[in-house]
């Protein structure tokens, strides 16, 4: 069992054990995890939840480290939930973010927790939203969710955080990728990172391109004009401006709109989890397990359309529940 008092006092060991419990796939652990979540709900919801995404190599971990240290220096407690890509073959992940954030990992006001993305799309782990709640219950003021940055379903990141930060690279064509309407419509703040050395001038030009593109896009928040910040995590420049933009966005959003946004997010989370639970039940059903191989072979050979095969599987699954 998790010591709730220790968790509420910010004990790192209790917090780590709680997140491990949430991530466990054992049925008995899931029961305990749900009991834990019920008990901590009154102590959640008081943090700023920040989602940070961008392509691999853009410097997400480097920026998060300097941003986390900066915010911790302001007297706030920072939790970083990093998502490591999992192998589609073995399910394994490197989980190396603590080694990439050496100074932040030893900061007494910070907590870093890497989790495998496993098979979840969008570069977020299935239990990330629950981990956010546990970190809030442990008294963390700022929760940062770093994604894999695989370019899939960034809406998942935006649907679990208050502020969505999109990071872009200068001088590699990446700024043109960022101009695509889908991802830019989700961004609350755009950050051109690695603005140092030979890339400094290119970063400035990229920022101008992004600002121009944003004029043609309706932001998520009507009264907010999406800012473009130029940073160098290496030289620790522009970090205070990024934090100020995050605070400005939070103030502009306001408490009422934030509550409404989180209610919508909770509803979406509810239906996503319902979908996952039903799929888990179907896959574990001994009643239909024998049909998996046969239906898969018929689909692969072209004998049966996938939609019909899926219908047959679900129909048989529901019959056992009658």
C-alpha atoms as a PDB file:
ATOM      1  CA  UNK A   1       0.000   0.000   0.000  1.00  0.00           C
ATOM      2  CA  UNK A   2       1.067   3.569  -0.679  1.00  0.00           C
ATOM      3  CA  UNK A   3       1.533   5.772   2.370  1.00  0.00           C
ATOM      4  CA  UNK A   4      -0.837   8.643   1.546  1.00  0.00           C
ATOM      5  CA  UNK A   5       0.606  10.902   4.243  1.00  0.00           C
ATOM      6  CA  UNK A   6       4.119  10.376   2.906  1.00  0.00           C
ATOM      7  CA  UNK A   7       2.887  11.052  -0.623  1.00  0.00           C
ATOM      8  CA  UNK A   8       1.091  14.223   0.450  1.00  0.00           C
ATOM      9  CA  UNK A   9       4.270  15.446   2.153  1.00  0.00           C
ATOM     10  CA  UNK A  10       6.143  15.127  -1.137  1.00  0.00           C
ATOM     11  CA  UNK A  11       8.157  12.033  -0.240  1.00  0.00           C
ATOM     12  CA  UNK A  12       9.942  11.003  -3.458  1.00  0.00           C
ATOM     13  CA  UNK A  13       9.977   7.314  -2.622  1.00  0.00           C
ATOM     14  CA  UNK A  14       6.233   7.282  -2.004  1.00  0.00           C
ATOM     15  CA  UNK A  15       5.642   9.251  -5.218  1.00  0.00           C
ATOM     16  CA  UNK A  16       7.795   6.870  -7.260  1.00  0.00           C
ATOM     17  CA  UNK A  17       6.015   3.838  -5.799  1.00  0.00           C
ATOM     18  CA  UNK A  18       2.639   5.416  -6.545  1.00  0.00           C
ATOM     19  CA  UNK A  19       3.470   5.969 -10.230  1.00  0.00           C
ATOM     20  CA  UNK A  20       4.891   2.439 -10.496  1.00  0.00           C
ATOM     21  CA  UNK A  21       1.601   1.160  -9.099  1.00  0.00           C
ATOM     22  CA  UNK A  22      -0.352   3.185 -11.666  1.00  0.00           C
ATOM     23  CA  UNK A  23       1.729   1.763 -14.518  1.00  0.00           C
ATOM     24  CA  UNK A  24       1.363  -1.862 -13.416  1.00  0.00           C
ATOM     25  CA  UNK A  25      -0.834  -4.099 -15.562  1.00  0.00           C
ATOM     26  CA  UNK A  26      -1.571  -6.590 -12.766  1.00  0.00           C
ATOM     27  CA  UNK A  27      -5.264  -6.763 -11.906  1.00  0.00           C
ATOM     28  CA  UNK A  28      -4.698  -6.537  -8.135  1.00  0.00           C
ATOM     29  CA  UNK A  29      -2.367  -3.572  -8.604  1.00  0.00           C
ATOM     30  CA  UNK A  30      -4.998  -1.850 -10.733  1.00  0.00           C
ATOM     31  CA  UNK A  31      -7.523  -2.162  -7.916  1.00  0.00           C
ATOM     32  CA  UNK A  32      -5.036  -0.586  -5.501  1.00  0.00           C
ATOM     33  CA  UNK A  33      -4.212   2.132  -8.030  1.00  0.00           C
ATOM     34  CA  UNK A  34      -7.869   3.082  -8.374  1.00  0.00           C
ATOM     35  CA  UNK A  35      -8.240   3.232  -4.595  1.00  0.00           C
ATOM     36  CA  UNK A  36      -5.198   5.502  -4.460  1.00  0.00           C
ATOM     37  CA  UNK A  37      -6.609   7.806  -7.123  1.00  0.00           C
ATOM     38  CA  UNK A  38      -9.936   8.099  -5.318  1.00  0.00           C
ATOM     39  CA  UNK A  39      -8.192   9.038  -2.083  1.00  0.00           C
ATOM     40  CA  UNK A  40      -6.036  11.791  -3.612  1.00  0.00           C
ATOM     41  CA  UNK A  41      -8.622  13.489  -5.848  1.00  0.00           C
ATOM     42  CA  UNK A  42      -9.401  16.235  -3.281  1.00  0.00           C
ATOM     43  CA  UNK A  43      -5.733  17.263  -3.391  1.00  0.00           C
ATOM     44  CA  UNK A  44      -5.375  17.592  -7.164  1.00  0.00           C
ATOM     45  CA  UNK A  45      -5.883  20.348  -9.723  1.00  0.00           C
ATOM     46  CA  UNK A  46      -3.720  23.130  -8.288  1.00  0.00           C
ATOM     47  CA  UNK A  47      -0.706  22.904 -10.617  1.00  0.00           C
ATOM     48  CA  UNK A  48       0.104  24.409 -14.009  1.00  0.00           C
ATOM     49  CA  UNK A  49       0.177  21.518 -16.482  1.00  0.00           C
ATOM     50  CA  UNK A  50       2.535  22.098 -19.398  1.00  0.00           C
ATOM     51  CA  UNK A  51       2.838  19.890 -22.476  1.00  0.00           C
ATOM     52  CA  UNK A  52       6.042  20.141 -24.503  1.00  0.00           C
ATOM     53  CA  UNK A  53       6.398  18.473 -27.888  1.00  0.00           C
ATOM     54  CA  UNK A  54       8.655  18.635 -30.916  1.00  0.00           C
ATOM     55  CA  UNK A  55      10.601  16.408 -33.255  1.00  0.00           C
ATOM     56  CA  UNK A  56      13.480  14.295 -31.873  1.00  0.00           C
ATOM     57  CA  UNK A  57      16.650  16.371 -31.685  1.00  0.00           C
ATOM     58  CA  UNK A  58      14.917  19.694 -31.097  1.00  0.00           C
ATOM     59  CA  UNK A  59      16.285  19.795 -27.557  1.00  0.00           C
ATOM     60  CA  UNK A  60      13.180  19.114 -25.472  1.00  0.00           C
ATOM     61  CA  UNK A  61      15.093  17.564 -22.579  1.00  0.00           C
ATOM     62  CA  UNK A  62      17.712  20.333 -22.598  1.00  0.00           C
ATOM     63  CA  UNK A  63      15.075  23.058 -22.552  1.00  0.00           C
ATOM     64  CA  UNK A  64      13.057  21.318 -19.852  1.00  0.00           C
ATOM     65  CA  UNK A  65      16.168  21.021 -17.687  1.00  0.00           C
ATOM     66  CA  UNK A  66      17.021  24.730 -17.789  1.00  0.00           C
ATOM     67  CA  UNK A  67      13.349  25.727 -17.561  1.00  0.00           C
ATOM     68  CA  UNK A  68      12.821  23.379 -14.611  1.00  0.00           C
ATOM     69  CA  UNK A  69      15.852  24.742 -12.770  1.00  0.00           C
ATOM     70  CA  UNK A  70      14.711  28.297 -13.486  1.00  0.00           C
ATOM     71  CA  UNK A  71      11.205  27.682 -12.152  1.00  0.00           C
ATOM     72  CA  UNK A  72      12.565  25.813  -9.130  1.00  0.00           C
ATOM     73  CA  UNK A  73      14.712  28.887  -8.463  1.00  0.00           C
ATOM     74  CA  UNK A  74      11.492  30.881  -8.185  1.00  0.00           C
ATOM     75  CA  UNK A  75      10.461  28.710  -5.240  1.00  0.00           C
ATOM     76  CA  UNK A  76       8.199  26.312  -7.116  1.00  0.00           C
ATOM     77  CA  UNK A  77       8.285  22.520  -7.120  1.00  0.00           C
ATOM     78  CA  UNK A  78       8.555  20.983 -10.575  1.00  0.00           C
ATOM     79  CA  UNK A  79       7.616  17.464 -11.697  1.00  0.00           C
ATOM     80  CA  UNK A  80       8.701  16.268 -15.128  1.00  0.00           C
ATOM     81  CA  UNK A  81       6.949  13.280 -16.676  1.00  0.00           C
ATOM     82  CA  UNK A  82       9.019  12.208 -19.650  1.00  0.00           C
ATOM     83  CA  UNK A  83       7.835   9.636 -22.168  1.00  0.00           C
ATOM     84  CA  UNK A  84      10.469   7.398 -23.727  1.00  0.00           C
ATOM     85  CA  UNK A  85       9.748   5.656 -27.033  1.00  0.00           C
ATOM     86  CA  UNK A  86       9.103   1.930 -26.693  1.00  0.00           C
ATOM     87  CA  UNK A  87      10.200  -0.678 -29.180  1.00  0.00           C
ATOM     88  CA  UNK A  88       7.304  -1.930 -31.295  1.00  0.00           C
ATOM     89  CA  UNK A  89       8.995  -5.337 -31.275  1.00  0.00           C
ATOM     90  CA  UNK A  90       9.999  -5.828 -27.634  1.00  0.00           C
ATOM     91  CA  UNK A  91       8.045  -3.115 -25.812  1.00  0.00           C
ATOM     92  CA  UNK A  92      11.285  -1.978 -24.160  1.00  0.00           C
ATOM     93  CA  UNK A  93      12.440   1.604 -23.773  1.00  0.00           C
ATOM     94  CA  UNK A  94      15.694   3.314 -22.853  1.00  0.00           C
ATOM     95  CA  UNK A  95      14.291   5.508 -20.055  1.00  0.00           C
ATOM     96  CA  UNK A  96      17.335   7.746 -20.148  1.00  0.00           C
ATOM     97  CA  UNK A  97      15.857  11.182 -19.410  1.00  0.00           C
ATOM     98  CA  UNK A  98      17.333  11.340 -15.918  1.00  0.00           C
ATOM     99  CA  UNK A  99      20.801  11.051 -17.431  1.00  0.00           C
ATOM    100  CA  UNK A 100      19.962  13.796 -19.954  1.00  0.00           C
ATOM    101  CA  UNK A 101      18.752  16.129 -17.172  1.00  0.00           C
ATOM    102  CA  UNK A 102      21.647  15.729 -14.768  1.00  0.00           C
ATOM    103  CA  UNK A 103      21.329  19.024 -12.895  1.00  0.00           C
ATOM    104  CA  UNK A 104      17.530  18.964 -12.674  1.00  0.00           C
ATOM    105  CA  UNK A 105      17.510  15.366 -11.439  1.00  0.00           C
ATOM    106  CA  UNK A 106      19.482  16.381  -8.335  1.00  0.00           C
ATOM    107  CA  UNK A 107      17.504  19.564  -7.707  1.00  0.00           C
ATOM    108  CA  UNK A 108      15.659  19.075  -4.384  1.00  0.00           C
ATOM    109  CA  UNK A 109      12.635  20.953  -5.772  1.00  0.00           C
ATOM    110  CA  UNK A 110      12.298  18.726  -8.835  1.00  0.00           C
ATOM    111  CA  UNK A 111      11.109  15.204  -9.604  1.00  0.00           C
ATOM    112  CA  UNK A 112      11.720  13.415 -12.906  1.00  0.00           C
ATOM    113  CA  UNK A 113       9.875  10.280 -13.897  1.00  0.00           C
ATOM    114  CA  UNK A 114      10.461   8.550 -17.256  1.00  0.00           C
ATOM    115  CA  UNK A 115       7.758   6.171 -18.487  1.00  0.00           C
ATOM    116  CA  UNK A 116       7.604   3.945 -21.574  1.00  0.00           C
ATOM    117  CA  UNK A 117       5.141   5.019 -24.252  1.00  0.00           C
ATOM    118  CA  UNK A 118       4.510   1.327 -25.004  1.00  0.00           C
ATOM    119  CA  UNK A 119       1.935   1.071 -27.785  1.00  0.00           C
ATOM    120  CA  UNK A 120       0.071   4.286 -27.008  1.00  0.00           C
ATOM    121  CA  UNK A 121      -0.123   6.708 -29.941  1.00  0.00           C
ATOM    122  CA  UNK A 122       0.809  10.332 -29.662  1.00  0.00           C
ATOM    123  CA  UNK A 123       3.955   9.820 -27.615  1.00  0.00           C
ATOM    124  CA  UNK A 124       2.223   9.690 -24.256  1.00  0.00           C
ATOM    125  CA  UNK A 125       1.844   6.807 -21.866  1.00  0.00           C
ATOM    126  CA  UNK A 126      -1.610   5.492 -20.979  1.00  0.00           C
ATOM    127  CA  UNK A 127      -1.174   6.372 -17.303  1.00  0.00           C
ATOM    128  CA  UNK A 128       0.420   9.795 -17.771  1.00  0.00           C
ATOM    129  CA  UNK A 129      -2.751  11.640 -16.791  1.00  0.00           C
ATOM    130  CA  UNK A 130      -2.974   9.632 -13.587  1.00  0.00           C
ATOM    131  CA  UNK A 131       0.685  10.402 -12.859  1.00  0.00           C
ATOM    132  CA  UNK A 132      -0.137  14.109 -13.209  1.00  0.00           C
ATOM    133  CA  UNK A 133      -2.781  13.781 -10.491  1.00  0.00           C
ATOM    134  CA  UNK A 134      -0.402  11.954  -8.160  1.00  0.00           C
ATOM    135  CA  UNK A 135       2.277  14.625  -8.624  1.00  0.00           C
ATOM    136  CA  UNK A 136      -0.276  17.324  -7.832  1.00  0.00           C
ATOM    137  CA  UNK A 137      -1.306  15.472  -4.687  1.00  0.00           C
ATOM    138  CA  UNK A 138       2.381  15.384  -3.715  1.00  0.00           C
ATOM    139  CA  UNK A 139       2.446  19.180  -3.804  1.00  0.00           C
ATOM    140  CA  UNK A 140       4.129  19.954  -7.116  1.00  0.00           C
ATOM    141  CA  UNK A 141       3.251  23.376  -8.521  1.00  0.00           C
ATOM    142  CA  UNK A 142       4.338  22.793 -12.121  1.00  0.00           C
ATOM    143  CA  UNK A 143       3.877  19.549 -14.066  1.00  0.00           C
ATOM    144  CA  UNK A 144       5.743  19.225 -17.368  1.00  0.00           C
ATOM    145  CA  UNK A 145       4.845  16.409 -19.761  1.00  0.00           C
ATOM    146  CA  UNK A 146       7.525  15.777 -22.377  1.00  0.00           C
ATOM    147  CA  UNK A 147       6.456  13.625 -25.317  1.00  0.00           C
ATOM    148  CA  UNK A 148       8.372  11.418 -27.712  1.00  0.00           C
ATOM    149  CA  UNK A 149       7.687  13.894 -30.483  1.00  0.00           C
ATOM    150  CA  UNK A 150       6.789  11.294 -33.073  1.00  0.00           C
ATOM    151  CA  UNK A 151       4.354  13.554 -34.933  1.00  0.00           C
ATOM    152  CA  UNK A 152       1.292  11.424 -34.136  1.00  0.00           C
ATOM    153  CA  UNK A 153      -1.837  12.637 -32.378  1.00  0.00           C
ATOM    154  CA  UNK A 154      -0.393  15.702 -30.648  1.00  0.00           C
ATOM    155  CA  UNK A 155      -3.997  16.288 -29.599  1.00  0.00           C
ATOM    156  CA  UNK A 156      -3.349  13.763 -26.804  1.00  0.00           C
ATOM    157  CA  UNK A 157      -0.747  16.089 -25.320  1.00  0.00           C
ATOM    158  CA  UNK A 158      -2.985  19.127 -25.605  1.00  0.00           C
ATOM    159  CA  UNK A 159      -5.879  17.170 -24.084  1.00  0.00           C
ATOM    160  CA  UNK A 160      -4.100  16.588 -20.778  1.00  0.00           C
ATOM    161  CA  UNK A 161      -2.331  19.907 -20.188  1.00  0.00           C
ATOM    162  CA  UNK A 162      -3.205  23.565 -19.705  1.00  0.00           C
ATOM    163  CA  UNK A 163      -0.485  25.023 -21.926  1.00  0.00           C
ATOM    164  CA  UNK A 164       0.854  23.353 -25.077  1.00  0.00           C
ATOM    165  CA  UNK A 165       4.383  24.331 -26.137  1.00  0.00           C
ATOM    166  CA  UNK A 166       5.609  23.427 -29.618  1.00  0.00           C
ATOM    167  CA  UNK A 167       9.382  23.365 -30.113  1.00  0.00           C
ATOM    168  CA  UNK A 168      10.935  23.835 -33.541  1.00  0.00           C
ATOM    169  CA  UNK A 169      14.439  23.658 -35.000  1.00  0.00           C
ATOM    170  CA  UNK A 170      15.974  26.499 -37.012  1.00  0.00           C
ATOM    171  CA  UNK A 171      17.560  25.970 -40.387  1.00  0.00           C
ATOM    172  CA  UNK A 172      16.515  22.372 -41.041  1.00  0.00           C
ATOM    173  CA  UNK A 173      13.198  22.788 -42.800  1.00  0.00           C
ATOM    174  CA  UNK A 174      11.488  21.988 -39.512  1.00  0.00           C
ATOM    175  CA  UNK A 175      10.037  25.495 -39.293  1.00  0.00           C
ATOM    176  CA  UNK A 176       8.099  24.738 -42.476  1.00  0.00           C
ATOM    177  CA  UNK A 177       6.729  21.585 -40.870  1.00  0.00           C
ATOM    178  CA  UNK A 178       5.567  23.737 -37.978  1.00  0.00           C
ATOM    179  CA  UNK A 179       3.522  25.917 -40.315  1.00  0.00           C
ATOM    180  CA  UNK A 180       1.167  23.000 -41.012  1.00  0.00           C
ATOM    181  CA  UNK A 181      -2.213  24.041 -39.741  1.00  0.00           C
ATOM    182  CA  UNK A 182      -2.995  21.003 -37.554  1.00  0.00           C
ATOM    183  CA  UNK A 183      -0.104  21.294 -35.140  1.00  0.00           C
ATOM    184  CA  UNK A 184      -0.015  25.080 -35.132  1.00  0.00           C
ATOM    185  CA  UNK A 185      -3.678  25.276 -34.170  1.00  0.00           C
ATOM    186  CA  UNK A 186      -2.826  23.322 -31.028  1.00  0.00           C
ATOM    187  CA  UNK A 187       0.185  25.410 -30.036  1.00  0.00           C
ATOM    188  CA  UNK A 188      -0.253  27.995 -27.292  1.00  0.00           C
ATOM    189  CA  UNK A 189       3.427  28.957 -27.391  1.00  0.00           C
ATOM    190  CA  UNK A 190       6.014  28.299 -30.116  1.00  0.00           C
ATOM    191  CA  UNK A 191       9.695  28.013 -29.255  1.00  0.00           C
ATOM    192  CA  UNK A 192      12.574  28.087 -31.736  1.00  0.00           C
ATOM    193  CA  UNK A 193      15.369  26.326 -29.833  1.00  0.00           C
ATOM    194  CA  UNK A 194      19.108  25.943 -30.489  1.00  0.00           C
ATOM    195  CA  UNK A 195      19.482  29.619 -31.406  1.00  0.00           C
ATOM    196  CA  UNK A 196      23.231  29.591 -30.882  1.00  0.00           C
ATOM    197  CA  UNK A 197      26.365  29.476 -32.996  1.00  0.00           C
ATOM    198  CA  UNK A 198      25.733  29.265 -36.723  1.00  0.00           C
ATOM    199  CA  UNK A 199      22.003  28.707 -36.163  1.00  0.00           C
ATOM    200  CA  UNK A 200      21.389  31.993 -34.337  1.00  0.00           C
ATOM    201  CA  UNK A 201      20.538  33.966 -37.486  1.00  0.00           C
ATOM    202  CA  UNK A 202      18.488  31.119 -38.928  1.00  0.00           C
ATOM    203  CA  UNK A 203      16.486  30.938 -35.680  1.00  0.00           C
ATOM    204  CA  UNK A 204      15.558  34.611 -35.985  1.00  0.00           C
ATOM    205  CA  UNK A 205      14.384  34.104 -39.572  1.00  0.00           C
ATOM    206  CA  UNK A 206      12.454  30.981 -38.599  1.00  0.00           C
ATOM    207  CA  UNK A 207      10.702  32.930 -35.825  1.00  0.00           C
ATOM    208  CA  UNK A 208       9.607  35.544 -38.355  1.00  0.00           C
ATOM    209  CA  UNK A 209       8.220  32.820 -40.647  1.00  0.00           C
ATOM    210  CA  UNK A 210       6.281  31.220 -37.797  1.00  0.00           C
ATOM    211  CA  UNK A 211       4.860  34.564 -36.648  1.00  0.00           C
ATOM    212  CA  UNK A 212       3.637  35.233 -40.159  1.00  0.00           C
ATOM    213  CA  UNK A 213       2.036  31.783 -40.392  1.00  0.00           C
ATOM    214  CA  UNK A 214       0.308  32.223 -37.035  1.00  0.00           C
ATOM    215  CA  UNK A 215      -1.487  35.305 -38.314  1.00  0.00           C
ATOM    216  CA  UNK A 216      -3.423  33.009 -40.645  1.00  0.00           C
ATOM    217  CA  UNK A 217      -4.446  30.529 -37.937  1.00  0.00           C
ATOM    218  CA  UNK A 218      -7.137  30.790 -35.281  1.00  0.00           C
ATOM    219  CA  UNK A 219      -5.532  30.095 -31.870  1.00  0.00           C
ATOM    220  CA  UNK A 220      -7.147  27.777 -29.318  1.00  0.00           C
ATOM    221  CA  UNK A 221      -7.819  30.772 -27.095  1.00  0.00           C
ATOM    222  CA  UNK A 222      -9.512  33.600 -28.984  1.00  0.00           C
ATOM    223  CA  UNK A 223      -8.052  36.397 -26.858  1.00  0.00           C
ATOM    224  CA  UNK A 224      -4.515  34.991 -27.044  1.00  0.00           C
ATOM    225  CA  UNK A 225      -1.956  35.752 -29.719  1.00  0.00           C
ATOM    226  CA  UNK A 226       0.471  32.811 -29.882  1.00  0.00           C
ATOM    227  CA  UNK A 227       3.976  34.132 -29.137  1.00  0.00           C
ATOM    228  CA  UNK A 228       7.155  32.822 -30.751  1.00  0.00           C
ATOM    229  CA  UNK A 229      10.155  32.708 -28.438  1.00  0.00           C
ATOM    230  CA  UNK A 230      13.758  32.149 -29.538  1.00  0.00           C
ATOM    231  CA  UNK A 231      15.834  30.186 -27.038  1.00  0.00           C
ATOM    232  CA  UNK A 232      19.178  28.523 -26.508  1.00  0.00           C
ATOM    233  CA  UNK A 233      19.080  25.844 -23.839  1.00  0.00           C
ATOM    234  CA  UNK A 234      22.835  25.467 -24.300  1.00  0.00           C
ATOM    235  CA  UNK A 235      23.490  29.114 -23.444  1.00  0.00           C
ATOM    236  CA  UNK A 236      20.504  29.424 -21.092  1.00  0.00           C
ATOM    237  CA  UNK A 237      18.966  32.256 -23.097  1.00  0.00           C
ATOM    238  CA  UNK A 238      15.284  33.026 -23.511  1.00  0.00           C
ATOM    239  CA  UNK A 239      14.215  30.681 -20.732  1.00  0.00           C
ATOM    240  CA  UNK A 240      12.759  33.411 -18.523  1.00  0.00           C
ATOM    241  CA  UNK A 241      10.723  34.665 -21.502  1.00  0.00           C
ATOM    242  CA  UNK A 242       9.265  31.196 -22.079  1.00  0.00           C
ATOM    243  CA  UNK A 243       8.208  30.955 -18.441  1.00  0.00           C
ATOM    244  CA  UNK A 244       6.701  34.439 -18.586  1.00  0.00           C
ATOM    245  CA  UNK A 245       4.671  33.474 -21.665  1.00  0.00           C
ATOM    246  CA  UNK A 246       3.412  30.384 -19.813  1.00  0.00           C
ATOM    247  CA  UNK A 247       2.328  32.563 -16.894  1.00  0.00           C
ATOM    248  CA  UNK A 248       0.760  35.111 -19.255  1.00  0.00           C
ATOM    249  CA  UNK A 249      -1.226  32.380 -20.974  1.00  0.00           C
ATOM    250  CA  UNK A 250      -2.433  30.996 -17.642  1.00  0.00           C
ATOM    251  CA  UNK A 251      -3.558  34.473 -16.564  1.00  0.00           C
ATOM    252  CA  UNK A 252      -5.303  35.095 -19.892  1.00  0.00           C
ATOM    253  CA  UNK A 253      -7.085  31.758 -19.736  1.00  0.00           C
ATOM    254  CA  UNK A 254      -8.412  32.513 -16.255  1.00  0.00           C
ATOM    255  CA  UNK A 255      -9.772  30.172 -13.596  1.00  0.00           C
ATOM    256  CA  UNK A 256     -13.244  29.717 -15.091  1.00  0.00           C
ATOM    257  CA  UNK A 257     -11.976  28.815 -18.568  1.00  0.00           C
ATOM    258  CA  UNK A 258      -9.289  26.565 -17.062  1.00  0.00           C
ATOM    259  CA  UNK A 259     -11.930  24.679 -15.092  1.00  0.00           C
ATOM    260  CA  UNK A 260     -14.058  24.286 -18.213  1.00  0.00           C
ATOM    261  CA  UNK A 261     -11.066  23.059 -20.241  1.00  0.00           C
ATOM    262  CA  UNK A 262     -10.147  20.493 -17.606  1.00  0.00           C
ATOM    263  CA  UNK A 263     -13.745  19.272 -17.438  1.00  0.00           C
ATOM    264  CA  UNK A 264     -13.694  18.680 -21.201  1.00  0.00           C
ATOM    265  CA  UNK A 265     -10.338  16.918 -20.858  1.00  0.00           C
ATOM    266  CA  UNK A 266     -11.702  14.682 -18.096  1.00  0.00           C
ATOM    267  CA  UNK A 267     -14.650  13.710 -20.272  1.00  0.00           C
ATOM    268  CA  UNK A 268     -12.323  12.819 -23.137  1.00  0.00           C
ATOM    269  CA  UNK A 269     -10.085  10.866 -20.757  1.00  0.00           C
ATOM    270  CA  UNK A 270     -13.146   8.969 -19.501  1.00  0.00           C
ATOM    271  CA  UNK A 271     -14.101   7.819 -23.002  1.00  0.00           C
ATOM    272  CA  UNK A 272     -10.515   7.013 -23.965  1.00  0.00           C
ATOM    273  CA  UNK A 273     -10.134   4.846 -20.871  1.00  0.00           C
ATOM    274  CA  UNK A 274     -13.488   3.197 -21.509  1.00  0.00           C
ATOM    275  CA  UNK A 275     -12.300   2.282 -25.010  1.00  0.00           C
ATOM    276  CA  UNK A 276      -9.021   0.874 -23.671  1.00  0.00           C
ATOM    277  CA  UNK A 277     -10.766  -1.109 -20.928  1.00  0.00           C
ATOM    278  CA  UNK A 278     -13.161  -2.699 -23.408  1.00  0.00           C
ATOM    279  CA  UNK A 279     -10.263  -3.625 -25.681  1.00  0.00           C
ATOM    280  CA  UNK A 280      -8.382  -5.144 -22.731  1.00  0.00           C
ATOM    281  CA  UNK A 281     -11.457  -7.175 -21.792  1.00  0.00           C
ATOM    282  CA  UNK A 282     -11.875  -8.418 -25.342  1.00  0.00           C
ATOM    283  CA  UNK A 283      -8.227  -9.435 -25.693  1.00  0.00           C
ATOM    284  CA  UNK A 284      -8.251 -11.307 -22.392  1.00  0.00           C
ATOM    285  CA  UNK A 285     -11.527 -13.138 -23.058  1.00  0.00           C
ATOM    286  CA  UNK A 286     -10.984 -16.889 -23.314  1.00  0.00           C
ATOM    287  CA  UNK A 287     -14.352 -17.143 -25.047  1.00  0.00           C
ATOM    288  CA  UNK A 288     -13.165 -15.284 -28.158  1.00  0.00           C
ATOM    289  CA  UNK A 289      -9.416 -15.879 -27.985  1.00  0.00           C
ATOM    290  CA  UNK A 290      -9.683 -18.955 -30.191  1.00  0.00           C
ATOM    291  CA  UNK A 291     -11.174 -16.802 -32.962  1.00  0.00           C
ATOM    292  CA  UNK A 292      -8.310 -14.287 -33.034  1.00  0.00           C
ATOM    293  CA  UNK A 293      -5.974 -16.335 -35.195  1.00  0.00           C
ATOM    294  CA  UNK A 294      -8.647 -17.532 -37.603  1.00  0.00           C
ATOM    295  CA  UNK A 295     -10.081 -14.067 -38.194  1.00  0.00           C
ATOM    296  CA  UNK A 296      -6.620 -12.527 -38.577  1.00  0.00           C
ATOM    297  CA  UNK A 297      -5.685 -15.113 -41.211  1.00  0.00           C
ATOM    298  CA  UNK A 298      -8.918 -14.480 -43.137  1.00  0.00           C
ATOM    299  CA  UNK A 299      -8.269 -10.732 -43.055  1.00  0.00           C
ATOM    300  CA  UNK A 300      -4.638 -11.094 -44.135  1.00  0.00           C
ATOM    301  CA  UNK A 301      -5.538 -13.447 -46.983  1.00  0.00           C
ATOM    302  CA  UNK A 302      -8.258 -11.118 -48.244  1.00  0.00           C
ATOM    303  CA  UNK A 303     -11.086 -13.574 -47.550  1.00  0.00           C
ATOM    304  CA  UNK A 304     -12.786 -11.229 -45.103  1.00  0.00           C
ATOM    305  CA  UNK A 305     -12.900  -7.415 -44.839  1.00  0.00           C
ATOM    306  CA  UNK A 306     -11.441  -6.162 -41.526  1.00  0.00           C
ATOM    307  CA  UNK A 307     -14.702  -4.391 -40.644  1.00  0.00           C
ATOM    308  CA  UNK A 308     -16.714  -7.608 -40.928  1.00  0.00           C
ATOM    309  CA  UNK A 309     -14.114  -9.603 -38.997  1.00  0.00           C
ATOM    310  CA  UNK A 310     -14.146  -6.996 -36.222  1.00  0.00           C
ATOM    311  CA  UNK A 311     -17.940  -7.123 -36.112  1.00  0.00           C
ATOM    312  CA  UNK A 312     -17.918 -10.905 -35.753  1.00  0.00           C
ATOM    313  CA  UNK A 313     -15.362 -10.724 -32.948  1.00  0.00           C
ATOM    314  CA  UNK A 314     -17.256  -8.080 -31.007  1.00  0.00           C
ATOM    315  CA  UNK A 315     -20.592  -9.859 -31.502  1.00  0.00           C
ATOM    316  CA  UNK A 316     -19.216 -13.086 -30.082  1.00  0.00           C
ATOM    317  CA  UNK A 317     -17.631 -11.213 -27.185  1.00  0.00           C
ATOM    318  CA  UNK A 318     -20.938  -9.554 -26.319  1.00  0.00           C
ATOM    319  CA  UNK A 319     -22.771 -12.875 -26.481  1.00  0.00           C
ATOM    320  CA  UNK A 320     -20.711 -14.245 -23.618  1.00  0.00           C
ATOM    321  CA  UNK A 321     -21.701 -11.257 -21.510  1.00  0.00           C
ATOM    322  CA  UNK A 322     -25.427 -11.939 -21.810  1.00  0.00           C
END
